[in-house]
Amino acid sequence: MNLIDSTYGARRLTAVSMAAVALAAVAACAPAAAAEPPAVAVKAVAGAAVSTGTAGRCRTGGLRASVGRVDAGAGQRYAPLVLTNTSGRSCWVYGFVGLVMFDARGDALRTRARRESVPAHRVTLRPGASAHARLHWTTVPSGRETSCPSAARLMIIPPDEVAHLEIPFTGTVCGDGRLDITPMTSGARL
């Protein structure tokens, strides 16, 4: 291992540790109701349904994350952040994911995940089924910004989890790192 690799690894470990501590602090401030989501029945979509089943909460190790097709227009970007159940059993997700962006060197970028005021529902995922949250960001500098950092990767902490998933995420995010996000809902498309 050379000096560059060890420096990158130490910097990455520090960034991931700091992000996990920050996300744990945010989760601790969440209302207690988030731990026991209300059971509401709605229409099933592609193997996912909001229901009252006996399935347990989806764990990070049984999920795969991806970002779907990015829709662009007038400096705005929208994309689905998809979680797919890769386990062999049904499970459910409820609420919001945690997010941290990283640049190409592995340094954490300022990430301000703003939760949109949309009611959350428990979404039950059969094996292979997906749920998504809508991501929104702007690519136009505002305020004192003269340029915006480019992200290369995205750390995702599934709802009510501590462990994370990490995926490629190439995008320029302005607004001081602001990513607007909705709660998880059925399906893989916006």
C-alpha atoms as a PDB file:
ATOM      1  CA  MET A   1       0.000   0.000   0.000  1.00  0.00           C
ATOM      2  CA  ASN A   2       1.465   3.370  -0.915  1.00  0.00           C
ATOM      3  CA  LEU A   3       1.128   6.660   0.933  1.00  0.00           C
ATOM      4  CA  ILE A   4      -1.639   7.922  -1.355  1.00  0.00           C
ATOM      5  CA  ASP A   5      -3.762   4.813  -0.770  1.00  0.00           C
ATOM      6  CA  SER A   6      -3.313   4.969   3.006  1.00  0.00           C
ATOM      7  CA  THR A   7      -4.082   8.708   3.092  1.00  0.00           C
ATOM      8  CA  TYR A   8      -7.214   8.170   1.001  1.00  0.00           C
ATOM      9  CA  GLY A   9      -8.300   5.296   3.261  1.00  0.00           C
ATOM     10  CA  ALA A  10      -7.780   7.333   6.440  1.00  0.00           C
ATOM     11  CA  ARG A  11      -9.563  10.356   4.985  1.00  0.00           C
ATOM     12  CA  ARG A  12     -12.423   8.144   3.776  1.00  0.00           C
ATOM     13  CA  LEU A  13     -12.745   6.385   7.154  1.00  0.00           C
ATOM     14  CA  THR A  14     -12.810   9.737   8.956  1.00  0.00           C
ATOM     15  CA  ALA A  15     -15.446  11.127   6.566  1.00  0.00           C
ATOM     16  CA  VAL A  16     -17.625   8.020   6.879  1.00  0.00           C
ATOM     17  CA  SER A  17     -17.295   8.027  10.676  1.00  0.00           C
ATOM     18  CA  MET A  18     -18.230  11.718  10.900  1.00  0.00           C
ATOM     19  CA  ALA A  19     -21.185  11.200   8.573  1.00  0.00           C
ATOM     20  CA  ALA A  20     -22.433   8.219  10.603  1.00  0.00           C
ATOM     21  CA  VAL A  21     -22.221  10.193  13.855  1.00  0.00           C
ATOM     22  CA  ALA A  22     -24.111  13.125  12.290  1.00  0.00           C
ATOM     23  CA  LEU A  23     -26.805  10.839  10.910  1.00  0.00           C
ATOM     24  CA  ALA A  24     -27.171   9.029  14.228  1.00  0.00           C
ATOM     25  CA  ALA A  25     -27.651  12.399  15.948  1.00  0.00           C
ATOM     26  CA  VAL A  26     -30.333  13.365  13.425  1.00  0.00           C
ATOM     27  CA  ALA A  27     -32.060   9.993  13.846  1.00  0.00           C
ATOM     28  CA  ALA A  28     -32.067  10.426  17.619  1.00  0.00           C
ATOM     29  CA  CYS A  29     -33.980  13.693  17.180  1.00  0.00           C
ATOM     30  CA  ALA A  30     -36.650  12.067  14.994  1.00  0.00           C
ATOM     31  CA  PRO A  31     -40.093  11.613  16.510  1.00  0.00           C
ATOM     32  CA  ALA A  32     -40.724   8.288  18.226  1.00  0.00           C
ATOM     33  CA  ALA A  33     -43.629   7.659  15.846  1.00  0.00           C
ATOM     34  CA  ALA A  34     -41.136   6.968  13.061  1.00  0.00           C
ATOM     35  CA  ALA A  35     -40.197   3.667  14.725  1.00  0.00           C
ATOM     36  CA  GLU A  36     -43.768   2.392  14.435  1.00  0.00           C
ATOM     37  CA  PRO A  37     -45.218   3.627  11.165  1.00  0.00           C
ATOM     38  CA  PRO A  38     -48.952   3.732  10.684  1.00  0.00           C
ATOM     39  CA  ALA A  39     -50.340   0.864   8.635  1.00  0.00           C
ATOM     40  CA  VAL A  40     -52.291   2.177   5.678  1.00  0.00           C
ATOM     41  CA  ALA A  41     -53.493   0.124   2.719  1.00  0.00           C
ATOM     42  CA  VAL A  42     -52.949   1.532  -0.777  1.00  0.00           C
ATOM     43  CA  LYS A  43     -52.700   0.151  -4.295  1.00  0.00           C
ATOM     44  CA  ALA A  44     -49.850  -2.312  -4.951  1.00  0.00           C
ATOM     45  CA  VAL A  45     -47.202  -1.299  -7.495  1.00  0.00           C
ATOM     46  CA  ALA A  46     -44.706  -3.749  -9.055  1.00  0.00           C
ATOM     47  CA  GLY A  47     -44.420  -6.087  -6.086  1.00  0.00           C
ATOM     48  CA  ALA A  48     -44.540  -3.350  -3.473  1.00  0.00           C
ATOM     49  CA  ALA A  49     -47.533  -2.412  -1.374  1.00  0.00           C
ATOM     50  CA  VAL A  50     -48.302  -0.341   1.657  1.00  0.00           C
ATOM     51  CA  SER A  51     -49.787  -2.841   4.083  1.00  0.00           C
ATOM     52  CA  THR A  52     -50.047  -4.203   7.593  1.00  0.00           C
ATOM     53  CA  GLY A  53     -48.175  -7.475   6.900  1.00  0.00           C
ATOM     54  CA  THR A  54     -46.042  -9.304   9.442  1.00  0.00           C
ATOM     55  CA  ALA A  55     -42.817  -8.600   7.554  1.00  0.00           C
ATOM     56  CA  GLY A  56     -39.968  -7.011   9.525  1.00  0.00           C
ATOM     57  CA  ARG A  57     -38.136  -3.812   8.706  1.00  0.00           C
ATOM     58  CA  CYS A  58     -35.785  -3.941   5.712  1.00  0.00           C
ATOM     59  CA  ARG A  59     -32.172  -4.131   6.826  1.00  0.00           C
ATOM     60  CA  THR A  60     -29.310  -2.520   4.921  1.00  0.00           C
ATOM     61  CA  GLY A  61     -27.703  -5.886   4.118  1.00  0.00           C
ATOM     62  CA  GLY A  62     -30.855  -6.992   2.290  1.00  0.00           C
ATOM     63  CA  LEU A  63     -31.148  -3.893   0.100  1.00  0.00           C
ATOM     64  CA  ARG A  64     -29.534  -2.628  -3.090  1.00  0.00           C
ATOM     65  CA  ALA A  65     -29.537   1.102  -3.916  1.00  0.00           C
ATOM     66  CA  SER A  66     -29.490   2.892  -7.258  1.00  0.00           C
ATOM     67  CA  VAL A  67     -30.356   6.243  -8.771  1.00  0.00           C
ATOM     68  CA  GLY A  68     -32.741   6.043 -11.715  1.00  0.00           C
ATOM     69  CA  ARG A  69     -32.924   8.229 -14.802  1.00  0.00           C
ATOM     70  CA  VAL A  70     -32.199  11.889 -14.090  1.00  0.00           C
ATOM     71  CA  ASP A  71     -34.729  14.338 -15.546  1.00  0.00           C
ATOM     72  CA  ALA A  72     -33.266  17.775 -16.245  1.00  0.00           C
ATOM     73  CA  GLY A  73     -34.743  21.156 -16.994  1.00  0.00           C
ATOM     74  CA  ALA A  74     -34.050  24.835 -16.244  1.00  0.00           C
ATOM     75  CA  GLY A  75     -31.205  24.091 -13.810  1.00  0.00           C
ATOM     76  CA  GLN A  76     -33.285  21.564 -11.844  1.00  0.00           C
ATOM     77  CA  ARG A  77     -32.662  17.827 -11.555  1.00  0.00           C
ATOM     78  CA  TYR A  78     -35.057  15.075 -10.442  1.00  0.00           C
ATOM     79  CA  ALA A  79     -34.273  11.375 -10.046  1.00  0.00           C
ATOM     80  CA  PRO A  80     -35.641   8.382  -8.163  1.00  0.00           C
ATOM     81  CA  LEU A  81     -33.424   6.993  -5.405  1.00  0.00           C
ATOM     82  CA  VAL A  82     -34.374   3.306  -5.516  1.00  0.00           C
ATOM     83  CA  LEU A  83     -34.027   0.675  -2.776  1.00  0.00           C
ATOM     84  CA  THR A  84     -34.583  -2.919  -3.943  1.00  0.00           C
ATOM     85  CA  ASN A  85     -35.188  -5.865  -1.607  1.00  0.00           C
ATOM     86  CA  THR A  86     -32.450  -8.425  -2.357  1.00  0.00           C
ATOM     87  CA  SER A  87     -33.247 -10.652   0.616  1.00  0.00           C
ATOM     88  CA  GLY A  88     -35.295 -13.822   0.397  1.00  0.00           C
ATOM     89  CA  ARG A  89     -38.116 -12.470   2.579  1.00  0.00           C
ATOM     90  CA  SER A  90     -40.600  -9.626   2.531  1.00  0.00           C
ATOM     91  CA  CYS A  91     -39.689  -6.539   4.538  1.00  0.00           C
ATOM     92  CA  TRP A  92     -40.849  -2.941   4.864  1.00  0.00           C
ATOM     93  CA  VAL A  93     -39.410   0.569   4.680  1.00  0.00           C
ATOM     94  CA  TYR A  94     -40.917   3.683   6.214  1.00  0.00           C
ATOM     95  CA  GLY A  95     -39.852   7.298   6.019  1.00  0.00           C
ATOM     96  CA  PHE A  96     -36.725   9.006   4.771  1.00  0.00           C
ATOM     97  CA  VAL A  97     -33.225   7.852   3.839  1.00  0.00           C
ATOM     98  CA  GLY A  98     -30.081   9.589   5.076  1.00  0.00           C
ATOM     99  CA  LEU A  99     -27.673  10.976   2.456  1.00  0.00           C
ATOM    100  CA  VAL A 100     -24.016  12.041   2.275  1.00  0.00           C
ATOM    101  CA  MET A 101     -22.238  13.006  -0.967  1.00  0.00           C
ATOM    102  CA  PHE A 102     -18.540  12.359  -1.653  1.00  0.00           C
ATOM    103  CA  ASP A 103     -16.251  13.835  -4.279  1.00  0.00           C
ATOM    104  CA  ALA A 104     -13.937  11.819  -6.568  1.00  0.00           C
ATOM    105  CA  ARG A 105     -11.138  11.893  -3.926  1.00  0.00           C
ATOM    106  CA  GLY A 106     -13.423  10.368  -1.291  1.00  0.00           C
ATOM    107  CA  ASP A 107     -13.876  13.560   0.715  1.00  0.00           C
ATOM    108  CA  ALA A 108     -17.330  14.166   2.156  1.00  0.00           C
ATOM    109  CA  LEU A 109     -19.162  17.089   0.567  1.00  0.00           C
ATOM    110  CA  ARG A 110     -21.569  19.318   2.448  1.00  0.00           C
ATOM    111  CA  THR A 111     -24.912  17.542   2.136  1.00  0.00           C
ATOM    112  CA  ARG A 112     -28.122  19.162   3.348  1.00  0.00           C
ATOM    113  CA  ALA A 113     -30.935  16.650   2.926  1.00  0.00           C
ATOM    114  CA  ARG A 114     -34.227  18.552   3.174  1.00  0.00           C
ATOM    115  CA  ARG A 115     -37.236  16.364   3.909  1.00  0.00           C
ATOM    116  CA  GLU A 116     -40.292  17.351   1.929  1.00  0.00           C
ATOM    117  CA  SER A 117     -43.609  17.664   3.770  1.00  0.00           C
ATOM    118  CA  VAL A 118     -45.233  14.558   2.310  1.00  0.00           C
ATOM    119  CA  PRO A 119     -46.991  11.931   4.460  1.00  0.00           C
ATOM    120  CA  ALA A 120     -44.937   8.760   4.928  1.00  0.00           C
ATOM    121  CA  HIS A 121     -46.431   5.278   4.606  1.00  0.00           C
ATOM    122  CA  ARG A 122     -45.065   1.836   5.340  1.00  0.00           C
ATOM    123  CA  VAL A 123     -44.066   0.200   2.051  1.00  0.00           C
ATOM    124  CA  THR A 124     -43.810  -3.595   2.097  1.00  0.00           C
ATOM    125  CA  LEU A 125     -41.338  -5.063  -0.389  1.00  0.00           C
ATOM    126  CA  ARG A 126     -41.517  -8.659  -1.526  1.00  0.00           C
ATOM    127  CA  PRO A 127     -38.162 -10.149  -2.603  1.00  0.00           C
ATOM    128  CA  GLY A 128     -37.007  -8.312  -5.739  1.00  0.00           C
ATOM    129  CA  ALA A 129     -39.487  -5.418  -5.312  1.00  0.00           C
ATOM    130  CA  SER A 130     -38.448  -1.754  -5.089  1.00  0.00           C
ATOM    131  CA  ALA A 131     -39.417   1.475  -3.389  1.00  0.00           C
ATOM    132  CA  HIS A 132     -38.149   4.939  -4.248  1.00  0.00           C
ATOM    133  CA  ALA A 133     -37.747   8.450  -2.911  1.00  0.00           C
ATOM    134  CA  ARG A 134     -37.703  11.458  -5.242  1.00  0.00           C
ATOM    135  CA  LEU A 135     -34.418  13.382  -5.194  1.00  0.00           C
ATOM    136  CA  HIS A 136     -34.356  17.012  -6.339  1.00  0.00           C
ATOM    137  CA  TRP A 137     -31.392  19.387  -6.611  1.00  0.00           C
ATOM    138  CA  THR A 138     -30.381  22.504  -8.482  1.00  0.00           C
ATOM    139  CA  THR A 139     -27.319  23.005 -10.683  1.00  0.00           C
ATOM    140  CA  VAL A 140     -27.424  26.816 -10.672  1.00  0.00           C
ATOM    141  CA  PRO A 141     -25.215  28.655  -8.169  1.00  0.00           C
ATOM    142  CA  SER A 142     -27.142  30.900  -5.799  1.00  0.00           C
ATOM    143  CA  GLY A 143     -26.316  33.406  -3.077  1.00  0.00           C
ATOM    144  CA  ARG A 144     -22.541  33.600  -2.605  1.00  0.00           C
ATOM    145  CA  GLU A 145     -21.848  30.455  -4.610  1.00  0.00           C
ATOM    146  CA  THR A 146     -19.627  30.980  -7.638  1.00  0.00           C
ATOM    147  CA  SER A 147     -19.316  27.290  -8.419  1.00  0.00           C
ATOM    148  CA  CYS A 148     -20.811  24.086  -7.085  1.00  0.00           C
ATOM    149  CA  PRO A 149     -18.963  20.910  -6.085  1.00  0.00           C
ATOM    150  CA  SER A 150     -19.242  17.776  -8.192  1.00  0.00           C
ATOM    151  CA  ALA A 151     -20.271  14.600  -6.422  1.00  0.00           C
ATOM    152  CA  ALA A 152     -18.931  11.202  -7.474  1.00  0.00           C
ATOM    153  CA  ARG A 153     -20.561   8.902  -4.899  1.00  0.00           C
ATOM    154  CA  LEU A 154     -23.570   8.890  -2.617  1.00  0.00           C
ATOM    155  CA  MET A 155     -23.854   7.226   0.787  1.00  0.00           C
ATOM    156  CA  ILE A 156     -27.401   6.122   1.563  1.00  0.00           C
ATOM    157  CA  ILE A 157     -28.621   5.115   4.996  1.00  0.00           C
ATOM    158  CA  PRO A 158     -31.963   3.280   4.637  1.00  0.00           C
ATOM    159  CA  PRO A 159     -34.782   4.405   6.945  1.00  0.00           C
ATOM    160  CA  ASP A 160     -34.225   3.461  10.606  1.00  0.00           C
ATOM    161  CA  GLU A 161     -30.845   1.873   9.836  1.00  0.00           C
ATOM    162  CA  VAL A 162     -27.272   2.730  10.826  1.00  0.00           C
ATOM    163  CA  ALA A 163     -25.316   0.795   8.169  1.00  0.00           C
ATOM    164  CA  HIS A 164     -25.070   2.388   4.751  1.00  0.00           C
ATOM    165  CA  LEU A 165     -24.990   1.600   1.053  1.00  0.00           C
ATOM    166  CA  GLU A 166     -22.745   3.492  -1.349  1.00  0.00           C
ATOM    167  CA  ILE A 167     -23.339   4.038  -5.050  1.00  0.00           C
ATOM    168  CA  PRO A 168     -21.959   6.142  -7.912  1.00  0.00           C
ATOM    169  CA  PHE A 169     -23.666   9.541  -8.110  1.00  0.00           C
ATOM    170  CA  THR A 170     -22.249  12.001 -10.591  1.00  0.00           C
ATOM    171  CA  GLY A 171     -23.797  15.394 -10.380  1.00  0.00           C
ATOM    172  CA  THR A 172     -23.181  19.010  -9.563  1.00  0.00           C
ATOM    173  CA  VAL A 173     -25.281  19.986  -6.554  1.00  0.00           C
ATOM    174  CA  CYS A 174     -25.700  23.694  -5.798  1.00  0.00           C
ATOM    175  CA  GLY A 175     -27.639  25.362  -3.013  1.00  0.00           C
ATOM    176  CA  ASP A 176     -24.874  24.617  -0.520  1.00  0.00           C
ATOM    177  CA  GLY A 177     -25.281  20.848  -1.006  1.00  0.00           C
ATOM    178  CA  ARG A 178     -29.070  20.792  -0.733  1.00  0.00           C
ATOM    179  CA  LEU A 179     -30.857  17.615  -1.788  1.00  0.00           C
ATOM    180  CA  ASP A 180     -34.646  17.634  -1.397  1.00  0.00           C
ATOM    181  CA  ILE A 181     -36.063  14.182  -0.697  1.00  0.00           C
ATOM    182  CA  THR A 182     -39.484  12.601  -0.272  1.00  0.00           C
ATOM    183  CA  PRO A 183     -40.297   9.614   1.961  1.00  0.00           C
ATOM    184  CA  MET A 184     -40.063   6.146   0.425  1.00  0.00           C
ATOM    185  CA  THR A 185     -42.985   5.114  -1.768  1.00  0.00           C
ATOM    186  CA  SER A 186     -43.841   2.079  -3.931  1.00  0.00           C
ATOM    187  CA  GLY A 187     -42.123   1.366  -7.256  1.00  0.00           C
ATOM    188  CA  ALA A 188     -38.853   2.312  -8.906  1.00  0.00           C
ATOM    189  CA  ARG A 189     -39.996   5.281 -11.011  1.00  0.00           C
ATOM    190  CA  LEU A 190     -41.068   8.840 -10.290  1.00  0.00           C
END
